[in-house]
Amino acid sequence: MPQDVRYEPVIAVLLPCYNEELTIAEVVRRFREALPAAAIYVYDNNSRDLTALRARAAGAIVVREPRQGKGNVVRRMFADIEADIYLMADGDGTYAPEDAPQLINTLLTERSDMVVGTRRGVTDDAGRNGHAFGNRIFNNLYKRLFGSDFTDIFSGYRVFTRRFVKSFPAVSGGFEIETEMSVHASQLKLPVSEIALDYGRRPQGSSSKLSTWGDGARILWMFGMLMKETQPLRFFGAFAVFFLVSSLFLMAPVLVEFAETGLVPRMPTWVLSVGLLLLSMLAAVTGLILDSVSRGRAEQKRIFYLSMPSGRVERSREAAAQRPAAGKTPRAA
């Protein structure tokens, strides 16, 4: 009987880089050893050192992305590269390439669309210049706003299926891209998994590109924008409640005084309270309308996501097509 034909998925390793000449060659070499069949792509984001040269010498496919910011690089990668499985990591050597097979195996066995390699102990390491505190704050805030699907929304070590990559509408330009990925998965209720992995430190002479306050402010702004886009009823409802409470606080003494004297001596206060009441009503109506729009957009994104091939069915069909029919032998060429 003919043997079954097995098709290996096409794997692409994505390494966005900016000034990583000290580490990129070693990272590429270790990924080549961990995933010998994978294509390794290094997208150089206007590096001022020899990052591109070192990556190319190590055997990676090097592409330059002139728009500064990790989000711009990831958006370009997802648009350019065709594969069945996408593995994204950093070029600074903090993520171990030897963990890549475990991430990919989890993606396949648990039939997830995204697997996140969470950084073990990253929220407890106080030696990271305030980043540990920020990680705790933002991860807890994410759970309250978008759900408890993730415990480390800032991890850059992730594996995706093709349909996740091609249906992900990346809009952010910087390090907040990981937050956007997490919200996309939570909004569409995609199957996701997490694996706790060790997180290394940069080698001596290599500096982090993160800005504690600058990136923190951008991430907080991204939280607000994503909440406005995905949960407008909660977003505008919070403003509606605030304006309503403020209006009642200012309106109550004026109404009491009017009931006692029949006069409204504090006319500016009354006008302000009525204006706040109107703003409250406007915010509530806006939230209701945009909530319907957001639900429609989520349904469209879900339908587009489902229209993308998962990779498993297509390979099984190809195998079935090449399998000879029962009772027949293949003709010799």
C-alpha atoms as a PDB file:
ATOM      1  CA  MET A   1       0.000   0.000   0.000  1.00  0.00           C
ATOM      2  CA  PRO A   2       1.297   3.493  -0.727  1.00  0.00           C
ATOM      3  CA  GLN A   3       2.670   5.424   2.179  1.00  0.00           C
ATOM      4  CA  ASP A   4       0.879   8.548   3.379  1.00  0.00           C
ATOM      5  CA  VAL A   5       2.467  11.795   2.301  1.00  0.00           C
ATOM      6  CA  ARG A   6       3.264  14.216   5.094  1.00  0.00           C
ATOM      7  CA  TYR A   7       3.572  17.929   4.479  1.00  0.00           C
ATOM      8  CA  GLU A   8       5.688  20.024   6.788  1.00  0.00           C
ATOM      9  CA  PRO A   9       4.446  23.556   7.467  1.00  0.00           C
ATOM     10  CA  VAL A  10       6.425  26.476   6.089  1.00  0.00           C
ATOM     11  CA  ILE A  11       7.929  28.342   9.039  1.00  0.00           C
ATOM     12  CA  ALA A  12       9.159  31.932   8.995  1.00  0.00           C
ATOM     13  CA  VAL A  13      11.206  33.457  11.818  1.00  0.00           C
ATOM     14  CA  LEU A  14      10.668  37.218  12.068  1.00  0.00           C
ATOM     15  CA  LEU A  15      13.307  39.352  13.790  1.00  0.00           C
ATOM     16  CA  PRO A  16      12.663  43.113  13.888  1.00  0.00           C
ATOM     17  CA  CYS A  17      15.957  44.844  14.696  1.00  0.00           C
ATOM     18  CA  TYR A  18      17.312  48.259  15.540  1.00  0.00           C
ATOM     19  CA  ASN A  19      21.017  48.591  16.404  1.00  0.00           C
ATOM     20  CA  GLU A  20      21.561  44.956  17.410  1.00  0.00           C
ATOM     21  CA  GLU A  21      24.981  44.270  15.844  1.00  0.00           C
ATOM     22  CA  LEU A  22      26.294  42.727  19.082  1.00  0.00           C
ATOM     23  CA  THR A  23      23.667  39.995  19.226  1.00  0.00           C
ATOM     24  CA  ILE A  24      21.934  39.476  15.884  1.00  0.00           C
ATOM     25  CA  ALA A  25      24.470  37.078  14.342  1.00  0.00           C
ATOM     26  CA  GLU A  26      24.314  34.773  17.364  1.00  0.00           C
ATOM     27  CA  VAL A  27      20.504  34.940  17.428  1.00  0.00           C
ATOM     28  CA  VAL A  28      20.273  34.017  13.741  1.00  0.00           C
ATOM     29  CA  ARG A  29      22.741  31.151  14.188  1.00  0.00           C
ATOM     30  CA  ARG A  30      20.818  29.705  17.135  1.00  0.00           C
ATOM     31  CA  PHE A  31      17.495  29.929  15.289  1.00  0.00           C
ATOM     32  CA  ARG A  32      19.046  28.128  12.317  1.00  0.00           C
ATOM     33  CA  GLU A  33      20.085  25.330  14.660  1.00  0.00           C
ATOM     34  CA  ALA A  34      16.729  25.192  16.456  1.00  0.00           C
ATOM     35  CA  LEU A  35      14.633  25.388  13.249  1.00  0.00           C
ATOM     36  CA  PRO A  36      16.777  24.145  10.353  1.00  0.00           C
ATOM     37  CA  ALA A  37      13.914  24.242   7.830  1.00  0.00           C
ATOM     38  CA  ALA A  38      12.724  27.754   8.718  1.00  0.00           C
ATOM     39  CA  ALA A  39      13.414  30.914   6.730  1.00  0.00           C
ATOM     40  CA  ILE A  40      14.862  33.627   8.942  1.00  0.00           C
ATOM     41  CA  TYR A  41      13.985  37.237   8.156  1.00  0.00           C
ATOM     42  CA  VAL A  42      15.691  40.232   9.734  1.00  0.00           C
ATOM     43  CA  TYR A  43      13.985  43.577   9.119  1.00  0.00           C
ATOM     44  CA  ASP A  44      16.440  46.365   9.825  1.00  0.00           C
ATOM     45  CA  ASN A  45      14.716  49.487  11.151  1.00  0.00           C
ATOM     46  CA  ASN A  46      17.232  52.238  10.233  1.00  0.00           C
ATOM     47  CA  SER A  47      20.059  50.804  12.326  1.00  0.00           C
ATOM     48  CA  ARG A  48      23.142  53.011  12.592  1.00  0.00           C
ATOM     49  CA  ASP A  49      25.493  50.090  13.147  1.00  0.00           C
ATOM     50  CA  LEU A  50      26.345  46.831  11.327  1.00  0.00           C
ATOM     51  CA  THR A  51      23.126  44.991  12.212  1.00  0.00           C
ATOM     52  CA  ALA A  52      22.126  44.317   8.597  1.00  0.00           C
ATOM     53  CA  LEU A  53      25.619  43.184   7.572  1.00  0.00           C
ATOM     54  CA  ARG A  54      25.996  40.827  10.527  1.00  0.00           C
ATOM     55  CA  ALA A  55      22.538  39.342   9.951  1.00  0.00           C
ATOM     56  CA  ARG A  56      23.166  38.769   6.249  1.00  0.00           C
ATOM     57  CA  ALA A  57      26.542  37.188   6.976  1.00  0.00           C
ATOM     58  CA  ALA A  58      24.826  34.813   9.420  1.00  0.00           C
ATOM     59  CA  GLY A  59      22.460  33.632   6.684  1.00  0.00           C
ATOM     60  CA  ALA A  60      19.329  35.673   7.319  1.00  0.00           C
ATOM     61  CA  ILE A  61      17.170  37.357   4.688  1.00  0.00           C
ATOM     62  CA  VAL A  62      17.599  41.060   5.406  1.00  0.00           C
ATOM     63  CA  VAL A  63      15.038  43.736   4.480  1.00  0.00           C
ATOM     64  CA  ARG A  64      15.142  47.429   5.389  1.00  0.00           C
ATOM     65  CA  GLU A  65      12.075  49.183   6.815  1.00  0.00           C
ATOM     66  CA  PRO A  66      12.502  52.988   6.812  1.00  0.00           C
ATOM     67  CA  ARG A  67       9.477  53.813   9.021  1.00  0.00           C
ATOM     68  CA  GLN A  68      10.789  53.947  12.563  1.00  0.00           C
ATOM     69  CA  GLY A  69       9.049  51.844  15.195  1.00  0.00           C
ATOM     70  CA  LYS A  70       8.501  48.166  15.933  1.00  0.00           C
ATOM     71  CA  GLY A  71       4.845  48.347  14.945  1.00  0.00           C
ATOM     72  CA  ASN A  72       5.771  49.591  11.478  1.00  0.00           C
ATOM     73  CA  VAL A  73       8.282  46.770  11.100  1.00  0.00           C
ATOM     74  CA  VAL A  74       5.834  44.078  12.202  1.00  0.00           C
ATOM     75  CA  ARG A  75       3.126  45.427   9.869  1.00  0.00           C
ATOM     76  CA  ARG A  76       5.576  45.249   6.952  1.00  0.00           C
ATOM     77  CA  MET A  77       6.667  41.726   7.909  1.00  0.00           C
ATOM     78  CA  PHE A  78       3.109  40.435   8.119  1.00  0.00           C
ATOM     79  CA  ALA A  79       2.308  41.936   4.717  1.00  0.00           C
ATOM     80  CA  ASP A  80       5.445  40.738   2.908  1.00  0.00           C
ATOM     81  CA  ILE A  81       6.103  37.226   4.172  1.00  0.00           C
ATOM     82  CA  GLU A  82       4.128  34.143   3.143  1.00  0.00           C
ATOM     83  CA  ALA A  83       4.252  31.138   5.475  1.00  0.00           C
ATOM     84  CA  ASP A  84       2.094  28.697   7.427  1.00  0.00           C
ATOM     85  CA  ILE A  85       3.619  29.481  10.831  1.00  0.00           C
ATOM     86  CA  TYR A  86       5.181  32.780  11.875  1.00  0.00           C
ATOM     87  CA  LEU A  87       7.531  33.008  14.843  1.00  0.00           C
ATOM     88  CA  MET A  88       8.381  36.505  16.078  1.00  0.00           C
ATOM     89  CA  ALA A  89      11.219  37.284  18.470  1.00  0.00           C
ATOM     90  CA  ASP A  90      13.631  40.110  19.276  1.00  0.00           C
ATOM     91  CA  GLY A  91      17.147  40.364  17.957  1.00  0.00           C
ATOM     92  CA  ASP A  92      18.698  41.282  21.314  1.00  0.00           C
ATOM     93  CA  GLY A  93      19.189  37.720  22.523  1.00  0.00           C
ATOM     94  CA  THR A  94      16.829  37.961  25.503  1.00  0.00           C
ATOM     95  CA  TYR A  95      14.589  35.207  24.109  1.00  0.00           C
ATOM     96  CA  ALA A  96      16.102  31.730  23.750  1.00  0.00           C
ATOM     97  CA  PRO A  97      15.806  30.349  20.186  1.00  0.00           C
ATOM     98  CA  GLU A  98      15.980  26.847  21.677  1.00  0.00           C
ATOM     99  CA  ASP A  99      12.418  27.386  22.981  1.00  0.00           C
ATOM    100  CA  ALA A 100      11.057  27.896  19.456  1.00  0.00           C
ATOM    101  CA  PRO A 101      10.196  24.213  18.768  1.00  0.00           C
ATOM    102  CA  GLN A 102       8.197  24.095  21.999  1.00  0.00           C
ATOM    103  CA  LEU A 103       6.196  27.170  20.996  1.00  0.00           C
ATOM    104  CA  ILE A 104       5.480  25.772  17.536  1.00  0.00           C
ATOM    105  CA  ASN A 105       4.536  22.365  18.943  1.00  0.00           C
ATOM    106  CA  THR A 106       2.062  24.049  21.304  1.00  0.00           C
ATOM    107  CA  LEU A 107       0.565  25.993  18.400  1.00  0.00           C
ATOM    108  CA  LEU A 108      -0.019  22.765  16.464  1.00  0.00           C
ATOM    109  CA  THR A 109      -1.089  20.421  19.246  1.00  0.00           C
ATOM    110  CA  GLU A 110      -3.452  22.878  20.963  1.00  0.00           C
ATOM    111  CA  ARG A 111      -4.680  24.220  17.602  1.00  0.00           C
ATOM    112  CA  SER A 112      -4.137  27.776  18.757  1.00  0.00           C
ATOM    113  CA  ASP A 113      -3.843  30.840  16.551  1.00  0.00           C
ATOM    114  CA  MET A 114      -1.269  32.517  18.788  1.00  0.00           C
ATOM    115  CA  VAL A 115       1.099  31.195  21.436  1.00  0.00           C
ATOM    116  CA  VAL A 116       2.833  33.694  23.714  1.00  0.00           C
ATOM    117  CA  GLY A 117       6.108  32.889  25.424  1.00  0.00           C
ATOM    118  CA  THR A 118       5.536  34.660  28.727  1.00  0.00           C
ATOM    119  CA  ARG A 119       8.638  35.944  30.475  1.00  0.00           C
ATOM    120  CA  ARG A 120       9.127  34.052  33.711  1.00  0.00           C
ATOM    121  CA  GLY A 121       9.675  36.458  36.617  1.00  0.00           C
ATOM    122  CA  VAL A 122       9.594  39.623  34.514  1.00  0.00           C
ATOM    123  CA  THR A 123       7.092  41.313  36.845  1.00  0.00           C
ATOM    124  CA  ASP A 124       9.272  40.622  39.897  1.00  0.00           C
ATOM    125  CA  ASP A 125      12.656  41.790  38.657  1.00  0.00           C
ATOM    126  CA  ALA A 126      13.072  45.257  40.150  1.00  0.00           C
ATOM    127  CA  GLY A 127      16.411  45.694  38.397  1.00  0.00           C
ATOM    128  CA  ARG A 128      14.825  46.562  35.067  1.00  0.00           C
ATOM    129  CA  ASN A 129      14.618  50.319  35.687  1.00  0.00           C
ATOM    130  CA  GLY A 130      10.927  50.446  36.519  1.00  0.00           C
ATOM    131  CA  HIS A 131       9.838  48.112  33.711  1.00  0.00           C
ATOM    132  CA  ALA A 132       8.792  45.404  36.180  1.00  0.00           C
ATOM    133  CA  PHE A 133       6.431  47.813  37.960  1.00  0.00           C
ATOM    134  CA  GLY A 134       4.995  48.962  34.631  1.00  0.00           C
ATOM    135  CA  ASN A 135       4.449  45.355  33.560  1.00  0.00           C
ATOM    136  CA  ARG A 136       2.407  44.623  36.679  1.00  0.00           C
ATOM    137  CA  ILE A 137       0.304  47.766  36.290  1.00  0.00           C
ATOM    138  CA  PHE A 138      -0.459  47.325  32.591  1.00  0.00           C
ATOM    139  CA  ASN A 139      -1.116  43.578  32.787  1.00  0.00           C
ATOM    140  CA  ASN A 140      -3.622  44.121  35.612  1.00  0.00           C
ATOM    141  CA  LEU A 141      -5.218  46.986  33.683  1.00  0.00           C
ATOM    142  CA  TYR A 142      -5.495  44.793  30.590  1.00  0.00           C
ATOM    143  CA  LYS A 143      -7.300  42.093  32.567  1.00  0.00           C
ATOM    144  CA  ARG A 144      -9.856  44.630  33.818  1.00  0.00           C
ATOM    145  CA  LEU A 145     -10.458  46.184  30.410  1.00  0.00           C
ATOM    146  CA  PHE A 146     -10.143  43.350  27.882  1.00  0.00           C
ATOM    147  CA  GLY A 147     -10.191  40.019  29.743  1.00  0.00           C
ATOM    148  CA  SER A 148      -7.862  37.511  31.371  1.00  0.00           C
ATOM    149  CA  ASP A 149      -6.591  35.734  28.240  1.00  0.00           C
ATOM    150  CA  PHE A 150      -3.004  36.923  28.780  1.00  0.00           C
ATOM    151  CA  THR A 151      -0.642  37.327  31.705  1.00  0.00           C
ATOM    152  CA  ASP A 152       2.207  39.020  29.796  1.00  0.00           C
ATOM    153  CA  ILE A 153       0.872  41.286  27.071  1.00  0.00           C
ATOM    154  CA  PHE A 154       4.296  42.794  26.316  1.00  0.00           C
ATOM    155  CA  SER A 155       6.125  39.590  25.463  1.00  0.00           C
ATOM    156  CA  GLY A 156       7.739  39.784  22.033  1.00  0.00           C
ATOM    157  CA  TYR A 157       8.202  36.015  21.699  1.00  0.00           C
ATOM    158  CA  ARG A 158       5.118  34.803  19.850  1.00  0.00           C
ATOM    159  CA  VAL A 159       4.027  32.232  17.283  1.00  0.00           C
ATOM    160  CA  PHE A 160       1.099  32.817  14.923  1.00  0.00           C
ATOM    161  CA  THR A 161      -0.889  30.944  12.347  1.00  0.00           C
ATOM    162  CA  ARG A 162      -1.231  32.353   8.865  1.00  0.00           C
ATOM    163  CA  ARG A 163      -4.850  33.354   9.360  1.00  0.00           C
ATOM    164  CA  PHE A 164      -3.992  35.359  12.474  1.00  0.00           C
ATOM    165  CA  VAL A 165      -1.223  37.224  10.659  1.00  0.00           C
ATOM    166  CA  LYS A 166      -3.224  37.999   7.537  1.00  0.00           C
ATOM    167  CA  SER A 167      -6.347  39.084   9.451  1.00  0.00           C
ATOM    168  CA  PHE A 168      -4.536  41.291  11.967  1.00  0.00           C
ATOM    169  CA  PRO A 169      -5.165  45.000  11.179  1.00  0.00           C
ATOM    170  CA  ALA A 170      -1.980  46.418  12.700  1.00  0.00           C
ATOM    171  CA  VAL A 171      -2.278  50.175  13.206  1.00  0.00           C
ATOM    172  CA  SER A 172       0.209  50.982  15.983  1.00  0.00           C
ATOM    173  CA  GLY A 173       3.696  52.139  15.157  1.00  0.00           C
ATOM    174  CA  GLY A 174       5.807  51.344  18.220  1.00  0.00           C
ATOM    175  CA  PHE A 175       6.265  48.844  21.034  1.00  0.00           C
ATOM    176  CA  GLU A 176       2.528  48.890  21.741  1.00  0.00           C
ATOM    177  CA  ILE A 177       2.080  46.457  18.816  1.00  0.00           C
ATOM    178  CA  GLU A 178       2.055  43.484  21.236  1.00  0.00           C
ATOM    179  CA  THR A 179      -0.858  45.053  23.122  1.00  0.00           C
ATOM    180  CA  GLU A 180      -2.757  45.452  19.864  1.00  0.00           C
ATOM    181  CA  MET A 181      -2.155  41.783  19.015  1.00  0.00           C
ATOM    182  CA  SER A 182      -3.511  40.715  22.389  1.00  0.00           C
ATOM    183  CA  VAL A 183      -6.633  42.878  22.062  1.00  0.00           C
ATOM    184  CA  HIS A 184      -7.246  41.540  18.537  1.00  0.00           C
ATOM    185  CA  ALA A 185      -7.186  37.965  19.859  1.00  0.00           C
ATOM    186  CA  SER A 186      -9.378  38.819  22.847  1.00  0.00           C
ATOM    187  CA  GLN A 187     -11.965  40.697  20.781  1.00  0.00           C
ATOM    188  CA  LEU A 188     -12.404  37.858  18.261  1.00  0.00           C
ATOM    189  CA  LYS A 189     -12.114  35.206  21.012  1.00  0.00           C
ATOM    190  CA  LEU A 190      -9.362  33.408  19.114  1.00  0.00           C
ATOM    191  CA  PRO A 191      -7.765  30.295  20.623  1.00  0.00           C
ATOM    192  CA  VAL A 192      -4.533  31.364  22.321  1.00  0.00           C
ATOM    193  CA  SER A 193      -1.999  29.692  24.596  1.00  0.00           C
ATOM    194  CA  GLU A 194       0.826  30.762  26.878  1.00  0.00           C
ATOM    195  CA  ILE A 195       4.087  29.093  27.871  1.00  0.00           C
ATOM    196  CA  ALA A 196       6.299  30.395  30.671  1.00  0.00           C
ATOM    197  CA  LEU A 197       9.885  30.752  29.430  1.00  0.00           C
ATOM    198  CA  ASP A 198      13.096  32.073  30.879  1.00  0.00           C
ATOM    199  CA  TYR A 199      13.924  35.643  29.921  1.00  0.00           C
ATOM    200  CA  GLY A 200      17.570  36.589  29.515  1.00  0.00           C
ATOM    201  CA  ARG A 201      19.448  39.835  29.869  1.00  0.00           C
ATOM    202  CA  ARG A 202      21.124  41.879  27.198  1.00  0.00           C
ATOM    203  CA  PRO A 203      24.878  41.404  26.824  1.00  0.00           C
ATOM    204  CA  GLN A 204      27.204  44.071  28.103  1.00  0.00           C
ATOM    205  CA  GLY A 205      27.368  47.010  25.699  1.00  0.00           C
ATOM    206  CA  SER A 206      23.842  46.488  24.355  1.00  0.00           C
ATOM    207  CA  SER A 207      21.224  48.988  25.511  1.00  0.00           C
ATOM    208  CA  SER A 208      17.445  48.707  25.606  1.00  0.00           C
ATOM    209  CA  LYS A 209      15.368  50.807  23.202  1.00  0.00           C
ATOM    210  CA  LEU A 210      12.503  51.109  25.695  1.00  0.00           C
ATOM    211  CA  SER A 211      11.636  54.388  27.393  1.00  0.00           C
ATOM    212  CA  THR A 212       9.904  53.820  30.717  1.00  0.00           C
ATOM    213  CA  TRP A 213       7.795  56.985  30.649  1.00  0.00           C
ATOM    214  CA  GLY A 214       7.536  57.582  26.897  1.00  0.00           C
ATOM    215  CA  ASP A 215       6.555  54.037  25.944  1.00  0.00           C
ATOM    216  CA  GLY A 216       4.346  53.787  29.026  1.00  0.00           C
ATOM    217  CA  ALA A 217       2.407  56.875  27.942  1.00  0.00           C
ATOM    218  CA  ARG A 218       2.030  55.513  24.399  1.00  0.00           C
ATOM    219  CA  ILE A 219       0.807  52.162  25.709  1.00  0.00           C
ATOM    220  CA  LEU A 220      -1.712  53.875  27.995  1.00  0.00           C
ATOM    221  CA  TRP A 221      -2.929  55.936  25.041  1.00  0.00           C
ATOM    222  CA  MET A 222      -3.206  52.735  22.982  1.00  0.00           C
ATOM    223  CA  PHE A 223      -5.293  51.167  25.765  1.00  0.00           C
ATOM    224  CA  GLY A 224      -7.711  54.067  25.526  1.00  0.00           C
ATOM    225  CA  MET A 225      -7.883  53.975  21.737  1.00  0.00           C
ATOM    226  CA  LEU A 226      -8.402  50.205  21.632  1.00  0.00           C
ATOM    227  CA  MET A 227     -11.108  50.427  24.279  1.00  0.00           C
ATOM    228  CA  LYS A 228     -12.829  53.161  22.272  1.00  0.00           C
ATOM    229  CA  GLU A 229     -12.699  50.986  19.151  1.00  0.00           C
ATOM    230  CA  THR A 230     -13.623  47.630  20.703  1.00  0.00           C
ATOM    231  CA  GLN A 231     -15.782  48.637  23.709  1.00  0.00           C
ATOM    232  CA  PRO A 232     -17.280  52.040  22.924  1.00  0.00           C
ATOM    233  CA  LEU A 233     -20.257  51.538  25.237  1.00  0.00           C
ATOM    234  CA  ARG A 234     -17.983  51.152  28.276  1.00  0.00           C
ATOM    235  CA  PHE A 235     -15.673  53.925  27.070  1.00  0.00           C
ATOM    236  CA  PHE A 236     -18.330  56.567  26.458  1.00  0.00           C
ATOM    237  CA  GLY A 237     -20.461  55.196  29.303  1.00  0.00           C
ATOM    238  CA  ALA A 238     -17.708  56.160  31.749  1.00  0.00           C
ATOM    239  CA  PHE A 239     -17.818  59.743  30.444  1.00  0.00           C
ATOM    240  CA  ALA A 240     -21.620  59.712  30.609  1.00  0.00           C
ATOM    241  CA  VAL A 241     -21.574  58.675  34.277  1.00  0.00           C
ATOM    242  CA  PHE A 242     -18.912  61.279  35.108  1.00  0.00           C
ATOM    243  CA  PHE A 243     -20.873  64.095  33.455  1.00  0.00           C
ATOM    244  CA  LEU A 244     -24.123  62.921  35.065  1.00  0.00           C
ATOM    245  CA  VAL A 245     -22.672  62.818  38.574  1.00  0.00           C
ATOM    246  CA  SER A 246     -21.056  66.232  38.087  1.00  0.00           C
ATOM    247  CA  SER A 247     -24.338  67.645  36.800  1.00  0.00           C
ATOM    248  CA  LEU A 248     -26.354  66.321  39.734  1.00  0.00           C
ATOM    249  CA  PHE A 249     -23.739  67.568  42.207  1.00  0.00           C
ATOM    250  CA  LEU A 250     -24.045  71.113  40.851  1.00  0.00           C
ATOM    251  CA  MET A 251     -27.778  70.956  40.183  1.00  0.00           C
ATOM    252  CA  ALA A 252     -28.953  69.701  43.584  1.00  0.00           C
ATOM    253  CA  PRO A 253     -28.350  72.858  45.672  1.00  0.00           C
ATOM    254  CA  VAL A 254     -29.851  75.053  42.948  1.00  0.00           C
ATOM    255  CA  LEU A 255     -33.009  72.938  42.863  1.00  0.00           C
ATOM    256  CA  VAL A 256     -33.254  72.992  46.667  1.00  0.00           C
ATOM    257  CA  GLU A 257     -32.933  76.761  46.670  1.00  0.00           C
ATOM    258  CA  PHE A 258     -35.527  77.073  43.900  1.00  0.00           C
ATOM    259  CA  ALA A 259     -37.961  74.880  45.851  1.00  0.00           C
ATOM    260  CA  GLU A 260     -37.555  77.066  48.945  1.00  0.00           C
ATOM    261  CA  THR A 261     -37.575  80.555  47.365  1.00  0.00           C
ATOM    262  CA  GLY A 262     -38.829  80.125  43.814  1.00  0.00           C
ATOM    263  CA  LEU A 263     -35.663  81.889  42.595  1.00  0.00           C
ATOM    264  CA  VAL A 264     -32.540  80.775  40.727  1.00  0.00           C
ATOM    265  CA  PRO A 265     -29.896  83.247  41.860  1.00  0.00           C
ATOM    266  CA  ARG A 266     -26.951  81.065  40.756  1.00  0.00           C
ATOM    267  CA  MET A 267     -27.770  81.047  37.061  1.00  0.00           C
ATOM    268  CA  PRO A 268     -24.213  80.197  35.836  1.00  0.00           C
ATOM    269  CA  THR A 269     -24.175  77.081  38.029  1.00  0.00           C
ATOM    270  CA  TRP A 270     -27.571  76.051  36.690  1.00  0.00           C
ATOM    271  CA  VAL A 271     -26.476  76.560  33.085  1.00  0.00           C
ATOM    272  CA  LEU A 272     -23.301  74.556  33.703  1.00  0.00           C
ATOM    273  CA  SER A 273     -25.216  71.685  35.345  1.00  0.00           C
ATOM    274  CA  VAL A 274     -27.696  71.537  32.452  1.00  0.00           C
ATOM    275  CA  GLY A 275     -24.785  71.554  29.984  1.00  0.00           C
ATOM    276  CA  LEU A 276     -23.140  68.653  31.804  1.00  0.00           C
ATOM    277  CA  LEU A 277     -26.442  66.777  31.765  1.00  0.00           C
ATOM    278  CA  LEU A 278     -26.682  67.228  27.992  1.00  0.00           C
ATOM    279  CA  LEU A 279     -23.085  66.049  27.589  1.00  0.00           C
ATOM    280  CA  SER A 280     -23.947  62.969  29.641  1.00  0.00           C
ATOM    281  CA  MET A 281     -26.874  62.162  27.387  1.00  0.00           C
ATOM    282  CA  LEU A 282     -24.762  62.784  24.278  1.00  0.00           C
ATOM    283  CA  ALA A 283     -21.992  60.472  25.520  1.00  0.00           C
ATOM    284  CA  ALA A 284     -24.506  57.722  26.338  1.00  0.00           C
ATOM    285  CA  VAL A 285     -26.145  57.912  22.907  1.00  0.00           C
ATOM    286  CA  THR A 286     -22.728  57.982  21.203  1.00  0.00           C
ATOM    287  CA  GLY A 287     -21.691  54.858  23.092  1.00  0.00           C
ATOM    288  CA  LEU A 288     -24.873  53.028  22.108  1.00  0.00           C
ATOM    289  CA  ILE A 289     -24.499  53.878  18.415  1.00  0.00           C
ATOM    290  CA  LEU A 290     -20.789  53.081  18.245  1.00  0.00           C
ATOM    291  CA  ASP A 291     -21.342  49.825  20.128  1.00  0.00           C
ATOM    292  CA  SER A 292     -23.488  48.598  17.227  1.00  0.00           C
ATOM    293  CA  VAL A 293     -20.815  49.752  14.768  1.00  0.00           C
ATOM    294  CA  SER A 294     -18.094  47.994  16.764  1.00  0.00           C
ATOM    295  CA  ARG A 295     -20.054  44.748  16.836  1.00  0.00           C
ATOM    296  CA  GLY A 296     -20.479  44.917  13.073  1.00  0.00           C
ATOM    297  CA  ARG A 297     -16.761  45.502  12.563  1.00  0.00           C
ATOM    298  CA  ALA A 298     -15.924  42.587  14.877  1.00  0.00           C
ATOM    299  CA  GLU A 299     -18.235  40.316  12.879  1.00  0.00           C
ATOM    300  CA  GLN A 300     -16.571  41.394   9.634  1.00  0.00           C
ATOM    301  CA  LYS A 301     -13.102  40.746  11.052  1.00  0.00           C
ATOM    302  CA  ARG A 302     -14.260  37.363  12.314  1.00  0.00           C
ATOM    303  CA  ILE A 303     -15.666  36.410   8.913  1.00  0.00           C
ATOM    304  CA  PHE A 304     -12.442  37.492   7.186  1.00  0.00           C
ATOM    305  CA  TYR A 305     -10.422  35.519   9.726  1.00  0.00           C
ATOM    306  CA  LEU A 306     -12.504  32.403   9.047  1.00  0.00           C
ATOM    307  CA  SER A 307     -12.075  32.871   5.295  1.00  0.00           C
ATOM    308  CA  MET A 308      -8.294  32.506   5.606  1.00  0.00           C
ATOM    309  CA  PRO A 309      -6.918  28.964   5.260  1.00  0.00           C
ATOM    310  CA  SER A 310      -5.724  27.433   8.518  1.00  0.00           C
ATOM    311  CA  GLY A 311      -3.071  25.385   6.723  1.00  0.00           C
ATOM    312  CA  ARG A 312      -4.164  22.004   8.095  1.00  0.00           C
ATOM    313  CA  VAL A 313      -7.148  21.331   5.839  1.00  0.00           C
ATOM    314  CA  GLU A 314      -5.328  22.385   2.694  1.00  0.00           C
ATOM    315  CA  ARG A 315      -2.365  20.100   3.333  1.00  0.00           C
ATOM    316  CA  SER A 316      -4.653  17.143   4.067  1.00  0.00           C
ATOM    317  CA  ARG A 317      -6.517  17.799   0.807  1.00  0.00           C
ATOM    318  CA  GLU A 318      -3.250  17.919  -1.104  1.00  0.00           C
ATOM    319  CA  ALA A 319      -2.223  14.652   0.465  1.00  0.00           C
ATOM    320  CA  ALA A 320      -5.584  13.095  -0.441  1.00  0.00           C
ATOM    321  CA  ALA A 321      -5.289  14.313  -4.019  1.00  0.00           C
ATOM    322  CA  GLN A 322      -1.874  12.718  -4.419  1.00  0.00           C
ATOM    323  CA  ARG A 323      -3.027   9.455  -2.804  1.00  0.00           C
ATOM    324  CA  PRO A 324      -4.032   6.814  -5.402  1.00  0.00           C
ATOM    325  CA  ALA A 325      -7.623   5.634  -5.321  1.00  0.00           C
ATOM    326  CA  ALA A 326      -8.461   2.483  -3.408  1.00  0.00           C
ATOM    327  CA  GLY A 327      -7.781  -0.690  -5.420  1.00  0.00           C
ATOM    328  CA  LYS A 328      -5.653   1.099  -8.005  1.00  0.00           C
ATOM    329  CA  THR A 329      -1.910   1.297  -8.396  1.00  0.00           C
ATOM    330  CA  PRO A 330      -0.170   4.441  -9.571  1.00  0.00           C
ATOM    331  CA  ARG A 331       1.001   4.372 -13.142  1.00  0.00           C
ATOM    332  CA  ALA A 332       4.697   4.680 -13.746  1.00  0.00           C
ATOM    333  CA  ALA A 333       5.815   7.874 -15.328  1.00  0.00           C
END
